[in-house]
Amino acid sequence: MDWIEGMQRAIDYIEAHLTEEIDYEAVARQSFSSSYHFQRVFSILCGYTLGEYIRLRRLTLAGAELAGGKKKVIDIALKYGYDSPDSFAKAFQKFHGITPSEARTNGKMLRSFSRLLIKISMEGGSMMNYRIEEKDEMILTGYKRRFLGVPGERMEQEKEMYVKTRALQYILTGLSGRHDDTGYDIITNVDDEGYDFYIANQLSEYYRNNLEKDGVLGKEYARYFENITIPKATYAIFETERCSYPTMVFLDLRKRIASEWLPTSGYRLANAPELVVTHWYGGERSNQRYRELWIPVEKDE
């Protein structure tokens, strides 16, 4: 209950300070957690970052004020944290689909992003298998994209990346020498704008250090790849059910981890990369595919 009340206190604090500069540390203190932990749990549970929530709520209130009054656009822009009418107009039009001036016209449709309210419901009561493992430092090899925008846009970017980079994936699989079709996704450098997303694999020391050699890849193809060091960390590792297409099932599992397991586990999220390990079997084993979620954690003191 303390955890639920803490999250609601944090949301109430945000709502009370939407016209001010919001200190994320002050927000996190309302839930008795660190800023990093609060922001990561918030984004997993809600599907958008803390910064996105604040931005969408401000644009919602700004639209309501413009539609219901005669305040100047510049005054509304400054009230909700925009430095100039131009930056406000750009964000406003992207969200509402109309300009701030048009918002004053009778009959114009505005969008509304409602405030969050945490409700207690009878959930859980289901089994979640996990294991806690200490992982030594790993060096993976892969390629990355920086995903930006709202969550739906980022998921589309991830899907597009997978579809349009098949050749690079085949190269990584071939160099890994593995025959179980195991691959790694890495999520790191998470902030209010987005995150870095890597598709990677585990190569031998020789291959990862000599990609530019003609006998390996050569400079033409090696330029697409980089080595990513995953620091030593403690991970809570969860597995999806075995099925033919576990690529989307893991999203629900990720949310359940944050809402059901984490609050009572005695752990909090650690500031380290999050990994998704995919076991993509073929042939007769295609219905046994699954994904492992490696969630970095540390003891909650």
Protein backbone atom coordinates (compact mmCIF):
# COMPACT_ATOMS: atom_id res chain seq x y z
CA MET A 1 0.00 0.00 0.00
CA ASP A 2 2.86 2.42 0.80
CA TRP A 3 4.23 1.96 -2.71
CA ILE A 4 0.84 2.64 -4.34
CA GLU A 5 0.25 5.68 -2.13
CA GLY A 6 3.75 6.93 -2.90
CA MET A 7 3.16 6.74 -6.64
CA GLN A 8 -0.11 8.63 -6.27
CA ARG A 9 1.56 11.27 -4.10
CA ALA A 10 4.19 11.75 -6.82
CA ILE A 11 1.51 12.16 -9.49
CA ASP A 12 -0.43 14.60 -7.29
CA TYR A 13 2.78 16.58 -6.77
CA ILE A 14 3.29 16.83 -10.53
CA GLU A 15 -0.28 18.01 -11.08
CA ALA A 16 0.11 20.71 -8.41
CA HIS A 17 3.28 22.06 -10.06
CA LEU A 18 2.53 21.84 -13.79
CA THR A 19 3.00 25.59 -14.23
CA GLU A 20 6.39 25.49 -12.49
CA GLU A 21 9.75 23.94 -13.23
CA ILE A 22 9.44 20.39 -11.90
CA ASP A 23 12.36 18.82 -10.08
CA TYR A 24 12.39 15.08 -10.75
CA GLU A 25 14.19 14.43 -7.48
CA ALA A 26 11.37 16.18 -5.62
CA VAL A 27 8.83 14.07 -7.50
CA ALA A 28 10.66 10.84 -6.64
CA ARG A 29 10.85 11.78 -2.97
CA GLN A 30 7.06 11.67 -2.82
CA SER A 31 7.27 7.92 -3.49
CA PHE A 32 10.30 7.39 -1.21
CA SER A 33 12.53 6.28 -4.10
CA SER A 34 15.43 7.55 -6.17
CA SER A 35 14.81 9.65 -9.26
CA TYR A 36 16.21 6.95 -11.53
CA HIS A 37 14.11 4.18 -9.99
CA PHE A 38 10.92 6.24 -10.05
CA GLN A 39 11.35 7.33 -13.67
CA ARG A 40 12.05 3.80 -14.93
CA VAL A 41 9.15 2.23 -13.01
CA PHE A 42 6.86 5.06 -14.12
CA SER A 43 7.73 4.55 -17.78
CA ILE A 44 7.28 0.76 -17.60
CA LEU A 45 3.92 0.99 -15.85
CA CYS A 46 2.47 3.89 -17.80
CA GLY A 47 4.02 3.34 -21.21
CA TYR A 48 5.48 6.84 -21.46
CA THR A 49 8.23 8.73 -19.69
CA LEU A 50 7.76 11.16 -16.83
CA GLY A 51 8.72 14.03 -19.13
CA GLU A 52 6.14 12.94 -21.72
CA TYR A 53 3.42 12.83 -19.07
CA ILE A 54 4.25 16.34 -17.91
CA ARG A 55 4.41 17.68 -21.48
CA LEU A 56 1.08 16.13 -22.52
CA ARG A 57 -0.68 17.32 -19.38
CA ARG A 58 0.62 20.87 -19.91
CA LEU A 59 -0.51 20.91 -23.54
CA THR A 60 -3.93 19.62 -22.46
CA LEU A 61 -4.35 22.44 -19.93
CA ALA A 62 -2.99 25.00 -22.36
CA GLY A 63 -5.57 23.97 -24.94
CA ALA A 64 -8.38 24.28 -22.43
CA GLU A 65 -7.24 27.77 -21.43
CA LEU A 66 -6.96 28.97 -25.02
CA ALA A 67 -10.41 27.61 -25.89
CA GLY A 68 -12.06 29.10 -22.85
CA GLY A 69 -10.51 32.55 -22.58
CA LYS A 70 -8.78 35.46 -24.24
CA LYS A 71 -5.27 35.18 -22.84
CA LYS A 72 -2.39 35.87 -25.22
CA VAL A 73 -0.65 32.87 -26.74
CA ILE A 74 2.71 34.11 -25.43
CA ASP A 75 1.33 34.24 -21.88
CA ILE A 76 0.01 30.66 -22.13
CA ALA A 77 3.31 29.50 -23.64
CA LEU A 78 5.36 30.99 -20.80
CA LYS A 79 2.94 29.69 -18.17
CA TYR A 80 3.47 26.11 -19.33
CA GLY A 81 7.22 26.26 -19.67
CA TYR A 82 7.84 27.22 -23.30
CA ASP A 83 10.50 29.84 -24.03
CA SER A 84 8.93 31.17 -27.22
CA PRO A 85 5.59 31.25 -29.04
CA ASP A 86 7.17 29.32 -31.93
CA SER A 87 8.27 26.35 -29.81
CA PHE A 88 4.88 26.34 -28.08
CA ALA A 89 2.99 26.51 -31.39
CA LYS A 90 5.00 23.61 -32.81
CA ALA A 91 4.36 21.37 -29.78
CA PHE A 92 0.73 22.49 -29.56
CA GLN A 93 0.00 21.69 -33.20
CA LYS A 94 1.71 18.31 -33.00
CA PHE A 95 -0.46 17.36 -30.03
CA HIS A 96 -3.80 19.01 -30.86
CA GLY A 97 -3.59 19.01 -34.65
CA ILE A 98 -4.40 22.73 -34.81
CA THR A 99 -2.52 25.96 -34.04
CA PRO A 100 -2.95 27.84 -30.74
CA SER A 101 -4.82 30.60 -32.62
CA GLU A 102 -7.20 28.08 -34.16
CA ALA A 103 -7.94 26.68 -30.70
CA ARG A 104 -9.98 29.81 -30.00
CA THR A 105 -12.30 29.14 -32.95
CA ASN A 106 -15.68 27.74 -31.97
CA GLY A 107 -16.18 24.10 -32.88
CA LYS A 108 -12.47 23.22 -33.17
CA MET A 109 -11.61 19.83 -31.69
CA LEU A 110 -8.93 19.65 -29.03
CA ARG A 111 -7.23 16.61 -27.58
CA SER A 112 -7.20 15.84 -23.87
CA PHE A 113 -4.65 13.74 -22.01
CA SER A 114 -6.21 12.92 -18.64
CA ARG A 115 -4.35 12.93 -15.34
CA LEU A 116 -3.25 9.64 -13.89
CA LEU A 117 -5.16 8.12 -11.00
CA ILE A 118 -3.89 4.93 -9.45
CA LYS A 119 -6.72 2.58 -8.57
CA ILE A 120 -6.40 -0.44 -6.32
CA SER A 121 -7.76 -3.57 -7.93
CA MET A 122 -7.59 -7.28 -7.24
CA GLU A 123 -4.73 -8.33 -9.49
CA GLY A 124 -1.82 -10.68 -9.22
CA GLY A 125 -2.38 -14.06 -7.62
CA SER A 126 -0.57 -15.60 -10.59
CA MET A 127 2.75 -17.37 -10.81
CA MET A 128 5.87 -15.54 -11.98
CA ASN A 129 9.01 -17.59 -12.30
CA TYR A 130 12.27 -15.72 -11.98
CA ARG A 131 15.84 -16.13 -10.89
CA ILE A 132 18.40 -13.70 -9.50
CA GLU A 133 21.80 -13.96 -11.16
CA GLU A 134 25.07 -12.13 -10.81
CA LYS A 135 26.36 -11.52 -14.32
CA ASP A 136 30.00 -10.74 -14.99
CA GLU A 137 30.93 -8.03 -17.45
CA MET A 138 29.94 -8.97 -20.99
CA ILE A 139 31.01 -7.56 -24.32
CA LEU A 140 28.40 -7.83 -27.05
CA THR A 141 28.69 -6.73 -30.67
CA GLY A 142 25.84 -5.05 -32.48
CA TYR A 143 24.38 -1.94 -34.05
CA LYS A 144 22.12 0.71 -32.59
CA ARG A 145 19.44 3.27 -33.26
CA ARG A 146 18.27 6.14 -31.10
CA PHE A 147 14.50 5.82 -30.69
CA LEU A 148 12.57 9.04 -30.14
CA GLY A 149 8.95 10.13 -29.91
CA VAL A 150 5.98 8.79 -27.99
CA PRO A 151 5.90 5.07 -27.04
CA GLY A 152 3.86 3.92 -30.04
CA GLU A 153 6.26 5.62 -32.41
CA ARG A 154 9.24 4.04 -30.67
CA MET A 155 7.73 0.56 -30.91
CA GLU A 156 7.20 1.12 -34.64
CA GLN A 157 10.82 2.23 -34.92
CA GLU A 158 11.95 -0.96 -33.21
CA LYS A 159 9.82 -3.09 -35.51
CA GLU A 160 11.10 -1.25 -38.59
CA MET A 161 14.69 -1.65 -37.44
CA TYR A 162 14.27 -5.42 -37.18
CA VAL A 163 12.56 -5.71 -40.55
CA LYS A 164 15.02 -3.52 -42.45
CA THR A 165 18.26 -4.86 -40.99
CA ARG A 166 17.88 -8.60 -41.58
CA ALA A 167 21.24 -8.79 -43.34
CA LEU A 168 23.07 -7.33 -40.33
CA GLN A 169 21.29 -9.81 -38.06
CA TYR A 170 22.37 -12.71 -40.27
CA ILE A 171 25.96 -11.46 -40.13
CA LEU A 172 25.89 -11.37 -36.31
CA THR A 173 24.36 -14.84 -36.11
CA GLY A 174 26.97 -16.23 -38.47
CA LEU A 175 29.87 -14.67 -36.60
CA SER A 176 28.52 -15.85 -33.24
CA GLY A 177 28.82 -19.49 -34.31
CA ARG A 178 25.69 -20.27 -32.31
CA HIS A 179 23.11 -22.70 -33.59
CA ASP A 180 20.28 -21.92 -31.14
CA ASP A 181 19.33 -18.62 -32.79
CA THR A 182 19.95 -16.61 -29.63
CA GLY A 183 20.04 -12.84 -29.95
CA TYR A 184 20.25 -9.86 -27.62
CA ASP A 185 18.36 -6.56 -27.48
CA ILE A 186 19.90 -3.87 -25.30
CA ILE A 187 18.00 -0.88 -23.92
CA THR A 188 20.24 1.81 -22.45
CA ASN A 189 20.72 5.58 -22.09
CA VAL A 190 17.03 6.00 -21.28
CA ASP A 191 15.85 9.60 -20.87
CA ASP A 192 12.74 11.70 -21.45
CA GLU A 193 13.34 11.82 -25.20
CA GLY A 194 13.86 8.10 -25.83
CA TYR A 195 16.54 5.45 -25.53
CA ASP A 196 19.38 3.71 -27.35
CA PHE A 197 18.36 0.33 -28.74
CA TYR A 198 20.91 -2.27 -29.84
CA ILE A 199 20.48 -5.52 -31.74
CA ALA A 200 23.50 -7.56 -30.73
CA ASN A 201 25.10 -10.95 -30.27
CA GLN A 202 27.98 -12.50 -28.39
CA LEU A 203 31.07 -13.02 -30.55
CA SER A 204 34.43 -14.55 -29.78
CA GLU A 205 37.18 -12.18 -28.68
CA TYR A 206 38.97 -12.65 -32.00
CA TYR A 207 35.95 -11.73 -34.12
CA ARG A 208 34.84 -8.73 -32.10
CA ASN A 209 38.39 -7.29 -32.13
CA ASN A 210 39.08 -7.95 -35.81
CA LEU A 211 35.88 -7.10 -37.65
CA GLU A 212 37.72 -4.81 -40.06
CA LYS A 213 40.02 -7.56 -41.30
CA ASP A 214 39.30 -8.92 -44.78
CA GLY A 215 39.08 -12.45 -43.43
CA VAL A 216 36.30 -11.45 -41.05
CA LEU A 217 34.05 -8.66 -42.39
CA GLY A 218 36.30 -6.02 -43.87
CA LYS A 219 35.99 -2.26 -43.41
CA GLU A 220 32.94 -1.91 -45.67
CA TYR A 221 30.72 -3.97 -43.34
CA ALA A 222 32.55 -3.56 -40.03
CA ARG A 223 31.55 0.12 -39.92
CA TYR A 224 27.97 -0.88 -39.12
CA PHE A 225 28.93 -2.58 -35.84
CA GLU A 226 30.34 -1.65 -32.47
CA ASN A 227 31.25 -3.45 -29.27
CA ILE A 228 29.01 -2.74 -26.27
CA THR A 229 30.28 -3.38 -22.76
CA ILE A 230 27.60 -4.56 -20.33
CA PRO A 231 28.94 -3.94 -16.82
CA LYS A 232 28.87 -6.51 -14.07
CA ALA A 233 25.43 -6.41 -12.48
CA THR A 234 22.71 -8.31 -10.65
CA TYR A 235 19.74 -9.25 -12.80
CA ALA A 236 16.26 -10.50 -12.08
CA ILE A 237 15.61 -12.77 -15.04
CA PHE A 238 12.08 -13.59 -16.17
CA GLU A 239 10.96 -15.80 -19.06
CA THR A 240 7.95 -15.47 -21.31
CA GLU A 241 5.76 -18.45 -22.07
CA ARG A 242 6.86 -20.76 -24.88
CA CYS A 243 5.04 -19.87 -28.08
CA SER A 244 5.58 -19.21 -31.78
CA TYR A 245 5.78 -15.41 -31.50
CA PRO A 246 6.98 -14.20 -28.08
CA THR A 247 8.16 -10.86 -29.50
CA MET A 248 5.14 -8.96 -28.15
CA VAL A 249 4.24 -11.16 -25.18
CA PHE A 250 7.20 -9.80 -23.25
CA LEU A 251 5.68 -6.28 -23.10
CA ASP A 252 2.89 -7.49 -20.82
CA LEU A 253 5.39 -9.45 -18.73
CA ARG A 254 7.57 -6.34 -18.37
CA LYS A 255 4.62 -4.38 -17.02
CA ARG A 256 3.69 -7.16 -14.60
CA ILE A 257 7.25 -7.21 -13.28
CA ALA A 258 6.99 -3.52 -12.39
CA SER A 259 3.46 -3.67 -10.97
CA GLU A 260 3.41 -7.07 -9.22
CA TRP A 261 6.93 -8.33 -8.54
CA LEU A 262 9.07 -5.26 -7.96
CA PRO A 263 7.04 -3.55 -5.19
CA THR A 264 7.30 -6.57 -2.86
CA SER A 265 10.57 -8.11 -4.02
CA GLY A 266 13.03 -6.27 -1.80
CA TYR A 267 14.81 -4.99 -4.92
CA ARG A 268 14.80 -1.75 -6.88
CA LEU A 269 15.87 -1.03 -10.43
CA ALA A 270 19.59 -0.46 -10.86
CA ASN A 271 21.14 2.02 -13.26
CA ALA A 272 22.39 -0.48 -15.84
CA PRO A 273 21.33 -1.67 -19.30
CA GLU A 274 18.19 -3.76 -19.61
CA LEU A 275 18.50 -6.82 -21.85
CA VAL A 276 16.06 -8.99 -23.75
CA VAL A 277 17.47 -12.36 -24.80
CA THR A 278 15.49 -14.01 -27.59
CA HIS A 279 15.60 -17.75 -28.27
CA TRP A 280 14.15 -18.03 -31.77
CA TYR A 281 14.06 -21.72 -32.63
CA GLY A 282 13.11 -22.98 -36.06
CA GLY A 283 11.53 -26.10 -37.51
CA GLU A 284 9.74 -28.41 -35.11
CA ARG A 285 10.78 -26.24 -32.15
CA SER A 286 9.24 -23.04 -33.54
CA ASN A 287 6.43 -23.22 -30.98
CA GLN A 288 9.00 -23.29 -28.15
CA ARG A 289 10.44 -19.84 -28.75
CA TYR A 290 10.73 -17.55 -25.75
CA ARG A 291 12.34 -14.36 -24.48
CA GLU A 292 14.23 -13.66 -21.27
CA LEU A 293 13.94 -10.25 -19.65
CA TRP A 294 17.08 -9.28 -17.76
CA ILE A 295 16.05 -6.50 -15.38
CA PRO A 296 19.02 -4.89 -13.54
CA VAL A 297 18.30 -4.70 -9.82
CA GLU A 298 19.91 -3.90 -6.50
CA LYS A 299 18.84 -4.52 -2.93
CA ASP A 300 16.28 -2.02 -1.69
CA GLU A 301 17.77 -0.54 1.47
